[in-house]
Amino acid sequence: MSTDSRPIYERIFETLREEIIQRKYNVGDRVPSEKELADEYNVSRITSKKALEMLAEERLIVRKPGRGSFVMEGGGIQSEGPSTGERTKHTLIGLVITDFGNTFGTEMIYGMEQASAEHDSFLVLRRSFGVPENEVKAIRSFLELGVDGIIVFPAQGEFYNDELLKLVIQQFPLVLVDRHLKGVAAASISTDNITAARTGADYLLDLGHKQICLLTPPPMDTTAIEDRIEGFVRAHAERGVMVDRSLWLDEITSTLPNSFHSPNIDKDIHMISEHLRSNPQITALFAMEYNIALLAKAAVEQMGLQIPEDISIICFDSPPTTLGSGYRFTHLIQAEDEIGKLAVENVLKLKRGEKVANKISLDAKLIIGESTGPSK
């Protein structure tokens, strides 16, 4: 009977580590899989998975979902390494984000960086610019790098890429931010967009606005936008106020990733102006994004109208201005920093085999600015 009191996963780890050092497995060689190790040692796959994760933490192997685990370049060169208890564990987390700026994303990344530092982990970032192909390439490059978990701000909503689905099926530590994927049991953290939009619409209705124009990019199955539209509609339904969808504009495209340049901007401003001229009964604009609110403000001012005397504007997010200067919209501010921190913390929990909530929704707060007033 063995007198070794160490956990079985440590014994499996030490055996494989020694075999790599002794060159039983050379650089690029595949080591036994979770299932093969579980069968060999008569243990659960959770135990064998832990042993392989420990090898990956020491940069002895790289784990490639769907392909296996392979000995890394330089793996085991130093025969005298730290023991299991002495190892410093640095976790590598990949972040795929569409883009970021002062309107949304920067504070979220700050939150991720802070949480990563607190948990002795590192964050590697790639931008997809809203292009699914870029998202696929980023995820694959992270897996080749051997990251321990991935955070994704999906490029699209319902039409998610196969790489994301593979990560979910293989139970790879994955957390989505800002939106969730329909029908896919992936952990996600976002704003409670339904409640937030309902709060914003309620505020306008309280001010007496009944003819409200909703300004949004094409939803394209983007859950954040879809939820905001639902919240807007719910607010009206709860008040018994008819929603006039003919007043909506859902073709704003210049604010989409890689589209924010002068020709598209001018086109959208003109489209909003023409829409307001055709619908003079509109007294308020609800912009689904801050940059759309900027387009709306430009359109209203070009028409010679005053904000909020003639038309009120409300939006999601309104970044702080330097030294208090600049225009401040009435807006719904999202808990970006908290979203970022929770994303990192949940990736680390998933890596440890802990369960996390499939969907976490954080409250947004209504901030009263200069852009709203009573309806005439």
Protein backbone atom coordinates (compact mmCIF):
# COMPACT_ATOMS: atom_id res chain seq x y z
CA MET A 1 0.00 0.00 0.00
CA SER A 2 1.34 3.42 -0.91
CA THR A 3 2.31 5.74 1.95
CA ASP A 4 2.29 8.85 -0.27
CA SER A 5 -0.25 11.17 1.38
CA ARG A 6 -0.23 13.77 -1.37
CA PRO A 7 -3.41 14.31 -3.42
CA ILE A 8 -3.50 12.02 -6.44
CA TYR A 9 -3.51 14.97 -8.86
CA GLU A 10 -0.14 16.10 -7.43
CA ARG A 11 1.29 12.62 -7.92
CA ILE A 12 0.07 12.55 -11.53
CA PHE A 13 1.54 16.02 -12.03
CA GLU A 14 4.93 15.04 -10.58
CA THR A 15 5.07 11.86 -12.69
CA LEU A 16 4.33 13.70 -15.93
CA ARG A 17 6.66 16.55 -14.97
CA GLU A 18 9.52 14.11 -14.44
CA GLU A 19 8.76 12.34 -17.72
CA ILE A 20 8.91 15.67 -19.59
CA ILE A 21 12.19 16.61 -17.88
CA GLN A 22 13.65 13.20 -18.72
CA ARG A 23 12.56 13.69 -22.37
CA LYS A 24 10.09 10.84 -22.49
CA TYR A 25 7.95 13.52 -24.11
CA ASN A 26 9.81 15.95 -26.37
CA VAL A 27 8.83 19.47 -27.42
CA GLY A 28 5.62 19.28 -29.46
CA ASP A 29 4.73 15.81 -28.26
CA ARG A 30 1.20 15.19 -27.08
CA VAL A 31 0.89 14.08 -23.45
CA PRO A 32 -1.95 11.81 -22.23
CA SER A 33 -5.40 13.39 -22.26
CA GLU A 34 -7.69 13.93 -19.26
CA LYS A 35 -9.58 10.76 -20.17
CA GLU A 36 -6.44 8.68 -20.71
CA LEU A 37 -5.00 9.77 -17.36
CA ALA A 38 -8.32 9.21 -15.61
CA ASP A 39 -8.45 5.67 -16.99
CA GLU A 40 -4.80 4.95 -16.19
CA TYR A 41 -4.98 6.13 -12.59
CA ASN A 42 -8.62 5.15 -12.02
CA VAL A 43 -9.61 8.67 -11.01
CA SER A 44 -12.21 11.23 -12.15
CA ARG A 45 -11.51 13.55 -15.06
CA ILE A 46 -11.65 16.46 -12.62
CA THR A 47 -8.55 15.01 -10.94
CA SER A 48 -6.66 14.40 -14.17
CA LYS A 49 -7.66 17.84 -15.46
CA LYS A 50 -6.16 19.43 -12.35
CA ALA A 51 -2.85 17.66 -12.96
CA LEU A 52 -2.72 18.92 -16.56
CA GLU A 53 -3.62 22.44 -15.43
CA MET A 54 -0.69 22.38 -13.01
CA LEU A 55 1.64 21.39 -15.85
CA ALA A 56 0.27 24.26 -17.94
CA GLU A 57 0.79 26.69 -15.04
CA GLU A 58 4.47 25.72 -14.99
CA ARG A 59 4.61 26.33 -18.76
CA LEU A 60 5.57 22.70 -19.33
CA ILE A 61 2.63 22.04 -21.63
CA VAL A 62 0.17 24.07 -23.66
CA ARG A 63 -3.47 22.96 -23.67
CA LYS A 64 -5.29 23.26 -26.98
CA PRO A 65 -9.05 22.62 -26.67
CA GLY A 66 -10.21 19.96 -29.07
CA ARG A 67 -6.64 18.88 -29.88
CA GLY A 68 -4.94 17.93 -26.63
CA SER A 69 -2.00 18.99 -24.46
CA PHE A 70 1.49 19.37 -25.89
CA VAL A 71 4.99 19.87 -24.46
CA MET A 72 6.02 23.51 -24.79
CA GLU A 73 9.28 24.82 -26.20
CA GLY A 74 11.74 24.94 -23.31
CA GLY A 75 9.54 22.68 -21.19
CA GLY A 76 11.55 20.93 -18.47
CA ILE A 77 14.94 22.42 -19.42
CA GLN A 78 15.68 23.21 -15.79
CA SER A 79 15.85 19.94 -13.92
CA GLU A 80 15.88 21.76 -10.62
CA GLY A 81 12.60 23.62 -10.45
CA PRO A 82 10.39 24.80 -7.61
CA SER A 83 8.26 22.22 -5.90
CA THR A 84 4.49 22.18 -6.17
CA GLY A 85 4.11 24.15 -2.97
CA GLU A 86 6.78 26.68 -3.96
CA ARG A 87 5.50 27.53 -7.44
CA THR A 88 4.33 31.06 -8.14
CA LYS A 89 1.13 30.69 -10.13
CA HIS A 90 0.54 33.33 -12.77
CA THR A 91 -2.73 33.00 -14.63
CA LEU A 92 -2.96 34.32 -18.19
CA ILE A 93 -6.35 35.66 -19.31
CA GLY A 94 -7.16 36.60 -22.88
CA LEU A 95 -9.57 39.48 -23.57
CA VAL A 96 -11.31 39.88 -26.94
CA ILE A 97 -13.14 43.20 -27.18
CA THR A 98 -14.77 44.89 -30.18
CA ASP A 99 -13.12 48.21 -29.35
CA PHE A 100 -12.96 50.65 -26.48
CA GLY A 101 -12.81 54.36 -25.87
CA ASN A 102 -14.01 57.04 -23.52
CA THR A 103 -17.66 56.24 -24.33
CA PHE A 104 -17.60 52.60 -23.22
CA GLY A 105 -14.97 49.98 -22.50
CA THR A 106 -12.06 51.85 -20.96
CA GLU A 107 -13.41 51.73 -17.39
CA MET A 108 -14.26 48.06 -17.88
CA ILE A 109 -10.66 47.30 -18.86
CA TYR A 110 -9.43 49.28 -15.84
CA GLY A 111 -11.59 47.03 -13.66
CA MET A 112 -10.15 43.93 -15.32
CA GLU A 113 -6.59 45.17 -14.85
CA GLN A 114 -7.20 45.89 -11.17
CA ALA A 115 -8.74 42.47 -10.55
CA SER A 116 -5.95 40.76 -12.50
CA ALA A 117 -3.30 42.47 -10.39
CA GLU A 118 -5.08 41.56 -7.17
CA HIS A 119 -5.19 37.88 -8.20
CA ASP A 120 -1.63 37.70 -9.56
CA SER A 121 -2.78 37.17 -13.14
CA PHE A 122 -2.07 38.81 -16.47
CA LEU A 123 -4.39 40.20 -19.13
CA VAL A 124 -3.70 39.99 -22.89
CA LEU A 125 -5.95 42.07 -25.16
CA ARG A 126 -7.03 41.75 -28.78
CA ARG A 127 -9.61 43.95 -30.58
CA SER A 128 -12.07 42.47 -33.09
CA PHE A 129 -13.57 45.79 -34.29
CA GLY A 130 -16.91 43.97 -34.45
CA VAL A 131 -15.68 41.60 -37.17
CA PRO A 132 -16.48 37.94 -36.38
CA GLU A 133 -13.44 36.69 -38.34
CA ASN A 134 -11.14 38.81 -36.16
CA GLU A 135 -12.83 37.39 -33.08
CA VAL A 136 -12.18 33.84 -34.27
CA LYS A 137 -8.51 34.60 -34.96
CA ALA A 138 -8.09 36.22 -31.54
CA ILE A 139 -9.59 33.25 -29.71
CA ARG A 140 -7.41 30.79 -31.63
CA SER A 141 -4.28 32.83 -30.97
CA PHE A 142 -5.08 32.89 -27.25
CA LEU A 143 -5.54 29.12 -27.17
CA GLU A 144 -2.22 28.65 -28.95
CA LEU A 145 -0.64 30.97 -26.40
CA GLY A 146 -1.97 28.70 -23.67
CA VAL A 147 -4.19 31.15 -21.80
CA ASP A 148 -6.01 29.87 -18.72
CA GLY A 149 -9.29 31.62 -19.53
CA ILE A 150 -10.87 34.00 -22.03
CA ILE A 151 -13.16 37.03 -21.66
CA VAL A 152 -15.09 37.99 -24.81
CA PHE A 153 -17.08 41.07 -25.74
CA PRO A 154 -18.89 39.30 -28.63
CA ALA A 155 -18.79 40.91 -32.04
CA GLN A 156 -22.40 39.90 -32.62
CA GLY A 157 -25.31 38.51 -30.67
CA GLU A 158 -27.15 35.49 -32.01
CA PHE A 159 -24.68 34.76 -34.80
CA TYR A 160 -21.82 33.74 -32.54
CA ASN A 161 -18.81 31.99 -34.02
CA ASP A 162 -17.97 28.30 -33.74
CA GLU A 163 -14.90 28.97 -31.61
CA LEU A 164 -17.08 30.37 -28.83
CA LEU A 165 -19.37 27.37 -29.02
CA LYS A 166 -16.37 25.02 -28.80
CA LEU A 167 -15.15 26.77 -25.66
CA VAL A 168 -18.57 26.34 -24.05
CA ILE A 169 -18.84 22.66 -25.00
CA GLN A 170 -15.33 21.95 -23.72
CA GLN A 171 -16.08 23.85 -20.49
CA PHE A 172 -13.11 26.11 -21.05
CA PRO A 173 -13.10 29.07 -18.60
CA LEU A 174 -15.08 31.63 -20.64
CA VAL A 175 -16.95 34.77 -19.60
CA LEU A 176 -18.88 37.07 -21.93
CA VAL A 177 -19.27 40.78 -21.19
CA ASP A 178 -21.93 43.32 -22.24
CA ARG A 179 -24.12 40.70 -23.88
CA HIS A 180 -25.11 37.06 -23.71
CA LEU A 181 -25.49 34.40 -26.39
CA LYS A 182 -28.98 33.05 -26.92
CA GLY A 183 -29.35 29.36 -26.25
CA VAL A 184 -25.76 28.96 -25.07
CA ALA A 185 -24.95 28.25 -21.42
CA ALA A 186 -21.97 30.59 -21.21
CA ALA A 187 -21.31 32.79 -18.18
CA SER A 188 -22.06 36.44 -18.94
CA ILE A 189 -21.89 39.77 -17.13
CA SER A 190 -23.67 42.84 -18.40
CA THR A 191 -25.88 45.77 -17.50
CA ASP A 192 -29.53 45.06 -16.73
CA ASN A 193 -30.40 46.79 -19.98
CA ILE A 194 -34.13 46.14 -19.77
CA THR A 195 -34.47 47.85 -16.40
CA ALA A 196 -32.07 50.63 -17.38
CA ALA A 197 -33.97 51.52 -20.55
CA ARG A 198 -37.26 51.34 -18.68
CA THR A 199 -35.86 53.79 -16.11
CA GLY A 200 -34.82 56.20 -18.85
CA ALA A 201 -38.16 55.96 -20.64
CA ASP A 202 -40.03 56.44 -17.35
CA TYR A 203 -38.07 59.62 -16.74
CA LEU A 204 -39.07 61.03 -20.13
CA LEU A 205 -42.70 60.01 -19.62
CA ASP A 206 -42.68 61.69 -16.21
CA LEU A 207 -41.57 64.88 -17.95
CA GLY A 208 -44.66 64.65 -20.15
CA HIS A 209 -43.02 63.31 -23.31
CA LYS A 210 -45.32 60.97 -25.21
CA GLN A 211 -43.90 61.20 -28.73
CA ILE A 212 -40.41 59.75 -28.24
CA CYS A 213 -38.08 58.80 -31.07
CA LEU A 214 -35.88 55.77 -30.35
CA LEU A 215 -32.48 56.06 -32.03
CA THR A 216 -30.56 52.81 -32.42
CA PRO A 217 -28.18 50.96 -34.71
CA PRO A 218 -29.68 47.94 -36.47
CA PRO A 219 -30.22 45.46 -33.59
CA MET A 220 -28.60 42.60 -35.59
CA ASP A 221 -29.47 40.20 -32.77
CA THR A 222 -27.29 42.18 -30.36
CA THR A 223 -28.80 41.31 -27.02
CA ALA A 224 -27.82 44.58 -25.30
CA ILE A 225 -29.71 46.64 -27.90
CA GLU A 226 -32.62 44.21 -27.99
CA ASP A 227 -32.96 44.38 -24.20
CA ARG A 228 -32.90 48.19 -24.25
CA ILE A 229 -35.64 48.26 -26.84
CA GLU A 230 -37.67 45.84 -24.71
CA GLY A 231 -37.23 48.06 -21.65
CA PHE A 232 -38.37 51.10 -23.63
CA VAL A 233 -41.50 49.27 -24.79
CA ARG A 234 -42.26 47.93 -21.29
CA ALA A 235 -42.17 51.42 -19.79
CA HIS A 236 -44.85 52.56 -22.23
CA ALA A 237 -46.96 49.45 -21.70
CA GLU A 238 -46.91 49.88 -17.93
CA ARG A 239 -48.16 53.46 -18.35
CA GLY A 240 -50.76 52.55 -20.95
CA VAL A 241 -48.98 54.80 -23.46
CA MET A 242 -49.06 53.72 -27.10
CA VAL A 243 -45.63 53.08 -28.65
CA ASP A 244 -45.44 54.63 -32.12
CA ARG A 245 -42.74 52.61 -33.90
CA SER A 246 -43.00 54.86 -36.94
CA LEU A 247 -41.14 57.46 -34.86
CA TRP A 248 -38.15 55.14 -34.39
CA LEU A 249 -34.92 55.26 -36.38
CA ASP A 250 -33.05 51.94 -36.30
CA GLU A 251 -30.65 52.50 -39.19
CA ILE A 252 -27.86 54.44 -37.44
CA THR A 253 -24.66 52.86 -38.74
CA SER A 254 -21.87 55.42 -38.32
CA THR A 255 -21.36 54.44 -34.66
CA LEU A 256 -20.69 50.78 -35.47
CA PRO A 257 -17.05 49.59 -35.13
CA ASN A 258 -14.88 50.75 -38.04
CA SER A 259 -17.68 53.00 -39.37
CA PHE A 260 -17.15 56.16 -37.32
CA HIS A 261 -15.84 58.49 -40.02
CA SER A 262 -17.06 61.69 -41.63
CA PRO A 263 -19.17 60.48 -44.63
CA ASN A 264 -21.20 58.07 -42.49
CA ILE A 265 -21.53 60.59 -39.68
CA ASP A 266 -22.84 63.30 -42.01
CA LYS A 267 -25.27 60.83 -43.56
CA ASP A 268 -26.70 59.83 -40.20
CA ILE A 269 -26.99 63.43 -38.99
CA HIS A 270 -28.89 64.30 -42.16
CA MET A 271 -31.13 61.24 -41.73
CA ILE A 272 -32.01 62.27 -38.17
CA SER A 273 -32.72 65.85 -39.25
CA GLU A 274 -35.02 64.71 -42.05
CA HIS A 275 -36.79 62.34 -39.69
CA LEU A 276 -37.45 65.16 -37.22
CA ARG A 277 -38.73 67.44 -39.99
CA SER A 278 -41.09 64.69 -41.13
CA ASN A 279 -42.29 64.08 -37.56
CA PRO A 280 -42.58 67.48 -35.85
CA GLN A 281 -44.61 65.87 -33.04
CA ILE A 282 -41.43 64.30 -31.61
CA THR A 283 -40.45 65.99 -28.33
CA ALA A 284 -37.72 63.64 -27.09
CA LEU A 285 -34.98 61.39 -28.44
CA PHE A 286 -33.78 58.25 -26.64
CA ALA A 287 -30.36 57.29 -28.02
CA MET A 288 -29.25 53.73 -27.33
CA GLU A 289 -25.59 54.82 -27.29
CA TYR A 290 -23.66 57.97 -26.40
CA ASN A 291 -22.23 58.52 -29.88
CA ILE A 292 -25.75 58.36 -31.30
CA ALA A 293 -26.72 61.08 -28.82
CA LEU A 294 -23.91 63.22 -30.25
CA LEU A 295 -25.34 62.71 -33.75
CA ALA A 296 -28.80 63.65 -32.49
CA LYS A 297 -27.49 66.80 -30.81
CA ALA A 298 -25.76 67.86 -34.03
CA ALA A 299 -28.93 67.21 -36.05
CA VAL A 300 -31.14 69.19 -33.67
CA GLU A 301 -28.75 72.14 -33.58
CA GLN A 302 -28.42 72.17 -37.37
CA MET A 303 -32.20 72.57 -37.50
CA GLY A 304 -31.94 75.66 -35.29
CA LEU A 305 -33.76 73.97 -32.39
CA GLN A 306 -32.80 74.17 -28.73
CA ILE A 307 -31.99 71.34 -26.31
CA PRO A 308 -33.89 70.73 -24.08
CA GLU A 309 -36.35 73.58 -24.75
CA ASP A 310 -37.51 72.13 -28.08
CA ILE A 311 -36.28 68.53 -27.90
CA SER A 312 -34.95 66.48 -25.00
CA ILE A 313 -32.22 63.85 -25.43
CA ILE A 314 -31.35 60.93 -23.16
CA CYS A 315 -28.79 58.19 -23.80
CA PHE A 316 -26.69 55.38 -22.38
CA ASP A 317 -23.33 56.57 -21.03
CA SER A 318 -21.88 60.05 -21.18
CA PRO A 319 -18.14 60.09 -20.48
CA PRO A 320 -16.69 62.53 -17.94
CA THR A 321 -15.39 65.71 -19.50
CA THR A 322 -12.04 67.29 -18.71
CA LEU A 323 -12.15 69.80 -15.85
CA GLY A 324 -15.94 69.84 -15.97
CA SER A 325 -16.11 71.38 -19.44
CA GLY A 326 -18.19 70.03 -22.32
CA TYR A 327 -21.77 68.90 -22.71
CA ARG A 328 -23.33 66.48 -20.26
CA PHE A 329 -26.31 64.45 -21.45
CA THR A 330 -28.94 63.03 -19.16
CA HIS A 331 -27.82 59.43 -19.28
CA LEU A 332 -27.80 55.95 -17.79
CA ILE A 333 -24.34 55.18 -16.48
CA GLN A 334 -23.23 51.56 -16.52
CA ALA A 335 -21.09 49.90 -13.85
CA GLU A 336 -18.23 49.26 -16.27
CA ASP A 337 -15.57 48.90 -13.58
CA GLU A 338 -17.62 46.29 -11.72
CA ILE A 339 -18.36 44.39 -14.95
CA GLY A 340 -14.61 44.18 -15.59
CA LYS A 341 -13.74 43.02 -12.08
CA LEU A 342 -16.45 40.36 -12.03
CA ALA A 343 -15.40 39.08 -15.45
CA VAL A 344 -11.87 38.37 -14.24
CA GLU A 345 -13.03 36.94 -10.92
CA ASN A 346 -15.48 34.59 -12.65
CA VAL A 347 -12.87 33.36 -15.13
CA LEU A 348 -10.63 32.50 -12.19
CA LYS A 349 -13.48 30.70 -10.42
CA LEU A 350 -14.23 28.66 -13.54
CA LYS A 351 -10.55 27.79 -13.82
CA ARG A 352 -10.69 26.44 -10.26
CA GLY A 353 -13.70 24.33 -11.18
CA GLU A 354 -16.17 26.48 -9.24
CA LYS A 355 -19.66 27.25 -10.49
CA VAL A 356 -20.67 30.78 -11.45
CA ALA A 357 -24.02 32.28 -12.43
CA ASN A 358 -24.84 31.92 -16.11
CA LYS A 359 -26.07 35.50 -16.32
CA ILE A 360 -25.20 38.41 -14.04
CA SER A 361 -26.98 41.73 -14.65
CA LEU A 362 -25.80 44.91 -12.94
CA ASP A 363 -27.90 48.02 -12.34
CA ALA A 364 -27.35 51.24 -14.25
CA LYS A 365 -27.90 54.64 -12.62
CA LEU A 366 -29.84 57.58 -14.09
CA ILE A 367 -27.77 60.79 -14.13
CA ILE A 368 -29.66 64.02 -14.85
CA GLY A 369 -27.76 66.29 -17.22
CA GLU A 370 -28.38 69.32 -19.43
CA SER A 371 -30.25 67.59 -22.23
CA THR A 372 -33.72 66.94 -20.81
CA GLY A 373 -36.62 69.11 -19.74
CA PRO A 374 -40.43 69.11 -19.57
CA SER A 375 -42.43 68.58 -22.71
CA LYS A 376 -44.18 71.69 -23.98
